[in-house]
Amino acid sequence: MYKESSYWDARYREERALPNGYDWFGRYREFRELFIRELQPGARGLVLGCGTSSLSMDLYEEGICPLVSIDYSPICIKEMAEKHAGCHGMSWLVMDARKLQFADGSFDFVIEKGTLDAMMVGERDPWRVTSEAIALIDEVLSEVSRVLSPNGCFISVTFSPPHFRTRHYAQPSYSWSVSCNTYGSDFHYFLYTMRKGEKLTAQDLERGQSLHNPYISPVHLPTLSEKDDEDFLRNIQI
C-alpha cells in the first residue's frame, strides 16, 4: 500500500484540510538543533519524499537554497508547487527516489523523514529483512550517495533503532560515516547523520556486513501478521 503512488495521491487529497500538512515523527523544530550543526553556508538541499510536510519550507527558511523537494505523487507535487510558488530557489519535482535525475555531487544536504520507513512497512520481521527490501533501500541510498557533494551530509529521520537501521546505512560503497541521535519526549525518534568522505567505524562495518548474513534473533519478538493494520505509521502520535 505505502509503495503505491495511488495510495499517496489519495492520502494527500485527504490532507489538504491540514493547514501545515502532515509531518511524520514530529515537526522540524523538535530536531532542529541536531540538524543545524550540520548546516553549511550556501548549502544546496534535496528532500526525498517531501509529501505535504512543512519540512521543506522549514529548511528553506534556514537558508538552504536552492532546495529541491521530490515525491512520486503528482497530486502532492502540484499542490506544494502552487502553495510555494513565490519562493525563489524552491522547486518541486515528481521523481522516484531510486532514480534521482540529478548530476553527481549536486547537493550538500539530502534529507528524508519517514520515506524509507514507508518503503519498508511491508516487512514482517525486522530481524530478517527480505532481499527485496534490502535491494530497494540500497537503490535509494546509492543514489543519495551519488548526488551528494564530496563533503555532503545525508540525514535520515525514522522510528527504527540502530540495531535495525544502521546496517543499511553502514555499507562501504556509500563512502560515508554513520552516527545516530534521538529526539522527542513521550516517544523517541532516531536521526541518523551520514557524512560523505568520512569512514565507517569497525563496529558499523560489522553491522553493515550483518545485513547480508543469515541472522537469528536472540529473543522471540512478535512480528506483524497479515491482519495487522498497515496504516499503523499514520497513527503514531506526533
C-alpha atoms as a PDB file:
ATOM      1  CA  MET A   1       0.000   0.000   0.000  1.00  0.00           C
ATOM      2  CA  TYR A   2       2.632   2.584   1.036  1.00  0.00           C
ATOM      3  CA  LYS A   3       4.692   1.657  -2.015  1.00  0.00           C
ATOM      4  CA  GLU A   4       1.946   2.661  -4.445  1.00  0.00           C
ATOM      5  CA  SER A   5       1.753   6.235  -5.721  1.00  0.00           C
ATOM      6  CA  SER A   6      -2.041   5.875  -5.974  1.00  0.00           C
ATOM      7  CA  TYR A   7      -2.212   5.460  -2.180  1.00  0.00           C
ATOM      8  CA  TRP A   8      -0.273   8.688  -1.641  1.00  0.00           C
ATOM      9  CA  ASP A   9      -2.339  10.586  -4.216  1.00  0.00           C
ATOM     10  CA  ALA A  10      -5.488   9.668  -2.291  1.00  0.00           C
ATOM     11  CA  ARG A  11      -3.927  10.418   1.074  1.00  0.00           C
ATOM     12  CA  TYR A  12      -2.636  13.837   0.031  1.00  0.00           C
ATOM     13  CA  ARG A  13      -6.112  14.740  -1.160  1.00  0.00           C
ATOM     14  CA  GLU A  14      -7.364  13.989   2.356  1.00  0.00           C
ATOM     15  CA  GLU A  15      -4.583  16.033   3.954  1.00  0.00           C
ATOM     16  CA  ARG A  16      -5.490  19.214   2.096  1.00  0.00           C
ATOM     17  CA  ALA A  17      -7.574  20.197   5.119  1.00  0.00           C
ATOM     18  CA  LEU A  18      -4.485  20.292   7.348  1.00  0.00           C
ATOM     19  CA  PRO A  19      -3.064  23.848   7.494  1.00  0.00           C
ATOM     20  CA  ASN A  20       0.603  22.760   7.667  1.00  0.00           C
ATOM     21  CA  GLY A  21       0.428  19.372   6.017  1.00  0.00           C
ATOM     22  CA  TYR A  22       1.174  16.114   7.782  1.00  0.00           C
ATOM     23  CA  ASP A  23       4.514  15.546   9.494  1.00  0.00           C
ATOM     24  CA  TRP A  24       5.616  12.060  10.411  1.00  0.00           C
ATOM     25  CA  PHE A  25       7.770  11.859  13.532  1.00  0.00           C
ATOM     26  CA  GLY A  26       7.141  15.410  14.688  1.00  0.00           C
ATOM     27  CA  ARG A  27       7.920  18.865  13.378  1.00  0.00           C
ATOM     28  CA  TYR A  28      11.289  20.223  12.311  1.00  0.00           C
ATOM     29  CA  ARG A  29      11.645  22.299  15.498  1.00  0.00           C
ATOM     30  CA  GLU A  30      11.924  19.072  17.509  1.00  0.00           C
ATOM     31  CA  PHE A  31      15.201  18.049  15.834  1.00  0.00           C
ATOM     32  CA  ARG A  32      16.414  21.431  14.567  1.00  0.00           C
ATOM     33  CA  GLU A  33      19.383  21.567  16.939  1.00  0.00           C
ATOM     34  CA  LEU A  34      20.642  18.236  15.609  1.00  0.00           C
ATOM     35  CA  PHE A  35      20.253  19.400  12.031  1.00  0.00           C
ATOM     36  CA  ILE A  36      21.562  22.941  12.296  1.00  0.00           C
ATOM     37  CA  ARG A  37      25.035  21.854  13.403  1.00  0.00           C
ATOM     38  CA  GLU A  38      25.481  20.117  10.053  1.00  0.00           C
ATOM     39  CA  LEU A  39      24.331  23.121   8.034  1.00  0.00           C
ATOM     40  CA  GLN A  40      26.905  24.647   5.703  1.00  0.00           C
ATOM     41  CA  PRO A  41      26.664  28.217   4.355  1.00  0.00           C
ATOM     42  CA  GLY A  42      25.198  28.259   0.866  1.00  0.00           C
ATOM     43  CA  ALA A  43      24.098  24.616   1.085  1.00  0.00           C
ATOM     44  CA  ARG A  44      22.163  23.071  -1.786  1.00  0.00           C
ATOM     45  CA  GLY A  45      19.435  20.759  -0.495  1.00  0.00           C
ATOM     46  CA  LEU A  46      17.259  17.846  -1.562  1.00  0.00           C
ATOM     47  CA  VAL A  47      14.219  16.497   0.306  1.00  0.00           C
ATOM     48  CA  LEU A  48      13.202  12.928  -0.529  1.00  0.00           C
ATOM     49  CA  GLY A  49       9.527  12.025  -0.283  1.00  0.00           C
ATOM     50  CA  CYS A  50       8.530  15.551   0.719  1.00  0.00           C
ATOM     51  CA  GLY A  51       4.804  14.892   0.952  1.00  0.00           C
ATOM     52  CA  THR A  52       2.734  17.783   2.314  1.00  0.00           C
ATOM     53  CA  SER A  53       5.081  18.239   5.266  1.00  0.00           C
ATOM     54  CA  SER A  54       6.252  21.705   6.309  1.00  0.00           C
ATOM     55  CA  LEU A  55       9.843  20.376   6.383  1.00  0.00           C
ATOM     56  CA  SER A  56      10.853  21.813   3.002  1.00  0.00           C
ATOM     57  CA  MET A  57       9.700  25.275   3.977  1.00  0.00           C
ATOM     58  CA  ASP A  58      11.459  24.984   7.343  1.00  0.00           C
ATOM     59  CA  LEU A  59      14.734  24.154   5.595  1.00  0.00           C
ATOM     60  CA  TYR A  60      14.257  26.937   3.069  1.00  0.00           C
ATOM     61  CA  GLU A  61      13.815  29.399   5.916  1.00  0.00           C
ATOM     62  CA  GLU A  62      17.105  28.124   7.386  1.00  0.00           C
ATOM     63  CA  GLY A  63      18.808  29.366   4.240  1.00  0.00           C
ATOM     64  CA  ILE A  64      19.127  26.158   2.226  1.00  0.00           C
ATOM     65  CA  CYS A  65      18.809  27.358  -1.350  1.00  0.00           C
ATOM     66  CA  PRO A  66      18.429  26.104  -3.953  1.00  0.00           C
ATOM     67  CA  LEU A  67      16.157  23.487  -2.380  1.00  0.00           C
ATOM     68  CA  VAL A  68      14.589  20.686  -4.411  1.00  0.00           C
ATOM     69  CA  SER A  69      11.748  18.585  -2.989  1.00  0.00           C
ATOM     70  CA  ILE A  70      10.673  15.382  -4.695  1.00  0.00           C
ATOM     71  CA  ASP A  71       7.808  12.946  -4.303  1.00  0.00           C
ATOM     72  CA  TYR A  72       6.357  10.394  -6.654  1.00  0.00           C
ATOM     73  CA  SER A  73       2.805  11.629  -6.124  1.00  0.00           C
ATOM     74  CA  PRO A  74       1.848  14.161  -8.836  1.00  0.00           C
ATOM     75  CA  ILE A  75      -1.052  15.340  -6.643  1.00  0.00           C
ATOM     76  CA  CYS A  76       1.333  16.254  -3.836  1.00  0.00           C
ATOM     77  CA  ILE A  77       3.900  17.977  -6.036  1.00  0.00           C
ATOM     78  CA  LYS A  78       1.299  20.052  -7.871  1.00  0.00           C
ATOM     79  CA  GLU A  79      -0.228  21.232  -4.604  1.00  0.00           C
ATOM     80  CA  MET A  80       3.097  22.080  -2.946  1.00  0.00           C
ATOM     81  CA  ALA A  81       4.432  23.864  -6.045  1.00  0.00           C
ATOM     82  CA  GLU A  82       1.323  26.048  -6.143  1.00  0.00           C
ATOM     83  CA  LYS A  83       1.449  26.716  -2.411  1.00  0.00           C
ATOM     84  CA  HIS A  84       5.089  27.887  -2.536  1.00  0.00           C
ATOM     85  CA  ALA A  85       5.108  29.459  -5.985  1.00  0.00           C
ATOM     86  CA  GLY A  86       6.552  32.715  -4.666  1.00  0.00           C
ATOM     87  CA  CYS A  87       9.606  31.136  -3.045  1.00  0.00           C
ATOM     88  CA  HIS A  88      12.585  31.789  -5.295  1.00  0.00           C
ATOM     89  CA  GLY A  89      15.006  28.873  -5.296  1.00  0.00           C
ATOM     90  CA  MET A  90      12.462  26.212  -4.274  1.00  0.00           C
ATOM     91  CA  SER A  91      11.460  23.582  -6.815  1.00  0.00           C
ATOM     92  CA  TRP A  92       9.099  20.620  -6.668  1.00  0.00           C
ATOM     93  CA  LEU A  93       9.528  17.570  -8.896  1.00  0.00           C
ATOM     94  CA  VAL A  94       7.734  14.278  -9.424  1.00  0.00           C
ATOM     95  CA  MET A  95      10.527  11.751  -9.084  1.00  0.00           C
ATOM     96  CA  ASP A  96      11.372   8.257  -7.866  1.00  0.00           C
ATOM     97  CA  ALA A  97      13.998   8.302  -5.083  1.00  0.00           C
ATOM     98  CA  ARG A  98      15.553   5.197  -6.640  1.00  0.00           C
ATOM     99  CA  LYS A  99      16.318   7.087  -9.854  1.00  0.00           C
ATOM    100  CA  LEU A 100      17.368  10.610  -8.980  1.00  0.00           C
ATOM    101  CA  GLN A 101      17.583  12.732 -12.104  1.00  0.00           C
ATOM    102  CA  PHE A 102      20.483  14.879 -10.940  1.00  0.00           C
ATOM    103  CA  ALA A 103      24.169  15.007 -11.750  1.00  0.00           C
ATOM    104  CA  ASP A 104      26.765  13.561  -9.380  1.00  0.00           C
ATOM    105  CA  GLY A 105      27.554  15.832  -6.436  1.00  0.00           C
ATOM    106  CA  SER A 106      24.558  18.113  -6.975  1.00  0.00           C
ATOM    107  CA  PHE A 107      23.639  18.554  -3.291  1.00  0.00           C
ATOM    108  CA  ASP A 108      25.308  19.373   0.002  1.00  0.00           C
ATOM    109  CA  PHE A 109      22.360  18.116   2.049  1.00  0.00           C
ATOM    110  CA  VAL A 110      19.885  15.341   1.419  1.00  0.00           C
ATOM    111  CA  ILE A 111      17.193  14.586   3.996  1.00  0.00           C
ATOM    112  CA  GLU A 112      14.402  12.069   4.277  1.00  0.00           C
ATOM    113  CA  LYS A 113      11.844  11.778   7.068  1.00  0.00           C
ATOM    114  CA  GLY A 114       9.807   8.588   7.084  1.00  0.00           C
ATOM    115  CA  THR A 115      10.322   7.842   3.384  1.00  0.00           C
ATOM    116  CA  LEU A 116      12.476   4.761   3.967  1.00  0.00           C
ATOM    117  CA  ASP A 117      10.091   3.615   6.696  1.00  0.00           C
ATOM    118  CA  ALA A 118       7.237   3.734   4.192  1.00  0.00           C
ATOM    119  CA  MET A 119       9.274   1.670   1.748  1.00  0.00           C
ATOM    120  CA  MET A 120       9.900  -0.986   4.406  1.00  0.00           C
ATOM    121  CA  VAL A 121       6.470  -1.062   6.032  1.00  0.00           C
ATOM    122  CA  GLY A 122       5.621  -4.413   4.445  1.00  0.00           C
ATOM    123  CA  GLU A 123       8.487  -6.168   6.258  1.00  0.00           C
ATOM    124  CA  ARG A 124       7.127  -8.644   8.812  1.00  0.00           C
ATOM    125  CA  ASP A 125      10.292  -9.361  10.791  1.00  0.00           C
ATOM    126  CA  PRO A 126      12.786  -6.523  11.449  1.00  0.00           C
ATOM    127  CA  TRP A 127      15.466  -9.097  12.332  1.00  0.00           C
ATOM    128  CA  ARG A 128      15.221 -10.747   8.918  1.00  0.00           C
ATOM    129  CA  VAL A 129      14.749  -8.158   6.207  1.00  0.00           C
ATOM    130  CA  THR A 130      13.820  -9.589   2.819  1.00  0.00           C
ATOM    131  CA  SER A 131      16.298  -9.430  -0.031  1.00  0.00           C
ATOM    132  CA  GLU A 132      13.777  -7.313  -1.950  1.00  0.00           C
ATOM    133  CA  ALA A 133      13.703  -4.675   0.796  1.00  0.00           C
ATOM    134  CA  ILE A 134      17.493  -4.690   1.100  1.00  0.00           C
ATOM    135  CA  ALA A 135      17.813  -4.112  -2.652  1.00  0.00           C
ATOM    136  CA  LEU A 136      15.186  -1.363  -2.605  1.00  0.00           C
ATOM    137  CA  ILE A 137      16.861   0.591   0.185  1.00  0.00           C
ATOM    138  CA  ASP A 138      20.249   0.100  -1.459  1.00  0.00           C
ATOM    139  CA  GLU A 139      18.927   1.635  -4.684  1.00  0.00           C
ATOM    140  CA  VAL A 140      17.851   4.749  -2.792  1.00  0.00           C
ATOM    141  CA  LEU A 141      20.999   5.064  -0.690  1.00  0.00           C
ATOM    142  CA  SER A 142      23.277   4.506  -3.686  1.00  0.00           C
ATOM    143  CA  GLU A 143      21.535   7.362  -5.465  1.00  0.00           C
ATOM    144  CA  VAL A 144      21.765   9.600  -2.394  1.00  0.00           C
ATOM    145  CA  SER A 145      25.493   8.916  -2.125  1.00  0.00           C
ATOM    146  CA  ARG A 146      25.940   9.667  -5.822  1.00  0.00           C
ATOM    147  CA  VAL A 147      24.221  13.066  -5.748  1.00  0.00           C
ATOM    148  CA  LEU A 148      25.934  14.200  -2.535  1.00  0.00           C
ATOM    149  CA  SER A 149      28.927  16.525  -2.803  1.00  0.00           C
ATOM    150  CA  PRO A 150      32.284  15.119  -1.563  1.00  0.00           C
ATOM    151  CA  ASN A 151      31.714  16.587   1.914  1.00  0.00           C
ATOM    152  CA  GLY A 152      27.926  16.412   1.822  1.00  0.00           C
ATOM    153  CA  CYS A 153      25.585  15.169   4.507  1.00  0.00           C
ATOM    154  CA  PHE A 154      22.597  12.827   4.391  1.00  0.00           C
ATOM    155  CA  ILE A 155      20.090  12.911   7.254  1.00  0.00           C
ATOM    156  CA  SER A 156      17.514  10.188   7.784  1.00  0.00           C
ATOM    157  CA  VAL A 157      14.720  10.529  10.357  1.00  0.00           C
ATOM    158  CA  THR A 158      12.959   7.343  11.427  1.00  0.00           C
ATOM    159  CA  PHE A 159      11.466   5.339  14.284  1.00  0.00           C
ATOM    160  CA  SER A 160      13.892   2.472  13.530  1.00  0.00           C
ATOM    161  CA  PRO A 161      16.646   1.990  16.178  1.00  0.00           C
ATOM    162  CA  PRO A 162      20.338   1.421  15.331  1.00  0.00           C
ATOM    163  CA  HIS A 163      20.341  -2.384  15.600  1.00  0.00           C
ATOM    164  CA  PHE A 164      17.817  -2.473  12.746  1.00  0.00           C
ATOM    165  CA  ARG A 165      18.654   0.557  10.617  1.00  0.00           C
ATOM    166  CA  THR A 166      22.406   1.239  10.899  1.00  0.00           C
ATOM    167  CA  ARG A 167      23.236  -1.936   8.981  1.00  0.00           C
ATOM    168  CA  HIS A 168      21.500  -0.499   5.905  1.00  0.00           C
ATOM    169  CA  TYR A 169      23.462   2.751   6.059  1.00  0.00           C
ATOM    170  CA  ALA A 170      26.814   1.185   7.008  1.00  0.00           C
ATOM    171  CA  GLN A 171      27.838  -0.066   3.570  1.00  0.00           C
ATOM    172  CA  PRO A 172      31.367   0.916   2.399  1.00  0.00           C
ATOM    173  CA  SER A 173      30.120   1.583  -1.132  1.00  0.00           C
ATOM    174  CA  TYR A 174      28.310   4.722   0.054  1.00  0.00           C
ATOM    175  CA  SER A 175      31.582   6.332   1.231  1.00  0.00           C
ATOM    176  CA  TRP A 176      30.143   7.923   4.368  1.00  0.00           C
ATOM    177  CA  SER A 177      30.202   7.584   8.138  1.00  0.00           C
ATOM    178  CA  VAL A 178      27.134   6.927  10.283  1.00  0.00           C
ATOM    179  CA  SER A 179      26.059   8.437  13.594  1.00  0.00           C
ATOM    180  CA  CYS A 180      22.754   8.411  15.432  1.00  0.00           C
ATOM    181  CA  ASN A 181      20.918  10.747  17.805  1.00  0.00           C
ATOM    182  CA  THR A 182      17.451  10.663  19.341  1.00  0.00           C
ATOM    183  CA  TYR A 183      14.831  13.335  19.877  1.00  0.00           C
ATOM    184  CA  GLY A 184      11.300  13.539  21.209  1.00  0.00           C
ATOM    185  CA  SER A 185       9.745  13.474  24.662  1.00  0.00           C
ATOM    186  CA  ASP A 186       6.963  10.920  25.090  1.00  0.00           C
ATOM    187  CA  PHE A 187       8.276   8.834  22.199  1.00  0.00           C
ATOM    188  CA  HIS A 188      11.842   8.902  20.910  1.00  0.00           C
ATOM    189  CA  TYR A 189      12.671   9.018  17.225  1.00  0.00           C
ATOM    190  CA  PHE A 190      16.062   8.460  15.633  1.00  0.00           C
ATOM    191  CA  LEU A 191      18.026  10.892  13.483  1.00  0.00           C
ATOM    192  CA  TYR A 192      20.888   9.338  11.525  1.00  0.00           C
ATOM    193  CA  THR A 193      23.631  11.509  10.068  1.00  0.00           C
ATOM    194  CA  MET A 194      25.757  10.202   7.217  1.00  0.00           C
ATOM    195  CA  ARG A 195      28.792  12.365   6.392  1.00  0.00           C
ATOM    196  CA  LYS A 196      30.255  11.826   2.942  1.00  0.00           C
ATOM    197  CA  GLY A 197      34.013  11.372   2.794  1.00  0.00           C
ATOM    198  CA  GLU A 198      34.281  10.001   6.334  1.00  0.00           C
ATOM    199  CA  LYS A 199      34.972   6.365   7.226  1.00  0.00           C
ATOM    200  CA  LEU A 200      32.794   3.837   8.970  1.00  0.00           C
ATOM    201  CA  THR A 201      33.866   2.593  12.378  1.00  0.00           C
ATOM    202  CA  ALA A 202      34.797  -1.066  12.836  1.00  0.00           C
ATOM    203  CA  GLN A 203      31.517  -1.615  14.690  1.00  0.00           C
ATOM    204  CA  ASP A 204      29.488  -0.048  11.899  1.00  0.00           C
ATOM    205  CA  LEU A 205      31.325  -2.100   9.278  1.00  0.00           C
ATOM    206  CA  GLU A 206      30.396  -5.217  11.231  1.00  0.00           C
ATOM    207  CA  ARG A 207      26.787  -4.092  11.382  1.00  0.00           C
ATOM    208  CA  GLY A 208      26.802  -3.441   7.663  1.00  0.00           C
ATOM    209  CA  GLN A 209      28.125  -6.935   6.975  1.00  0.00           C
ATOM    210  CA  SER A 210      25.410  -8.464   9.134  1.00  0.00           C
ATOM    211  CA  LEU A 211      22.746  -7.203   6.726  1.00  0.00           C
ATOM    212  CA  HIS A 212      23.886  -9.790   4.204  1.00  0.00           C
ATOM    213  CA  ASN A 213      24.347 -12.691   6.630  1.00  0.00           C
ATOM    214  CA  PRO A 214      21.691 -15.059   7.993  1.00  0.00           C
ATOM    215  CA  TYR A 215      20.537 -13.713  11.344  1.00  0.00           C
ATOM    216  CA  ILE A 216      18.766 -15.430  14.217  1.00  0.00           C
ATOM    217  CA  SER A 217      17.010 -13.205  16.709  1.00  0.00           C
ATOM    218  CA  PRO A 218      18.347 -13.596  20.270  1.00  0.00           C
ATOM    219  CA  VAL A 219      14.802 -13.362  21.600  1.00  0.00           C
ATOM    220  CA  HIS A 220      11.408 -14.151  20.196  1.00  0.00           C
ATOM    221  CA  LEU A 221       9.707 -10.927  19.163  1.00  0.00           C
ATOM    222  CA  PRO A 222       6.201 -10.658  17.738  1.00  0.00           C
ATOM    223  CA  THR A 223       6.041  -9.804  14.056  1.00  0.00           C
ATOM    224  CA  LEU A 224       3.330  -8.162  12.013  1.00  0.00           C
ATOM    225  CA  SER A 225       0.635 -10.526  10.849  1.00  0.00           C
ATOM    226  CA  GLU A 226      -1.450 -10.238   7.745  1.00  0.00           C
ATOM    227  CA  LYS A 227      -4.315  -8.994   9.937  1.00  0.00           C
ATOM    228  CA  ASP A 228      -2.326  -6.083  11.325  1.00  0.00           C
ATOM    229  CA  ASP A 229      -3.248  -2.628  10.084  1.00  0.00           C
ATOM    230  CA  GLU A 230      -0.589  -1.497   7.611  1.00  0.00           C
ATOM    231  CA  ASP A 231      -1.505   2.115   8.360  1.00  0.00           C
ATOM    232  CA  PHE A 232      -0.024   1.948  11.863  1.00  0.00           C
ATOM    233  CA  LEU A 233       2.630   4.527  10.955  1.00  0.00           C
ATOM    234  CA  ARG A 234      -0.020   7.142  10.390  1.00  0.00           C
ATOM    235  CA  ASN A 235      -1.417   6.601  13.867  1.00  0.00           C
ATOM    236  CA  ILE A 236       1.863   7.316  15.682  1.00  0.00           C
ATOM    237  CA  GLN A 237       1.299  10.310  17.919  1.00  0.00           C
ATOM    238  CA  ILE A 238       3.220  13.443  16.934  1.00  0.00           C
END
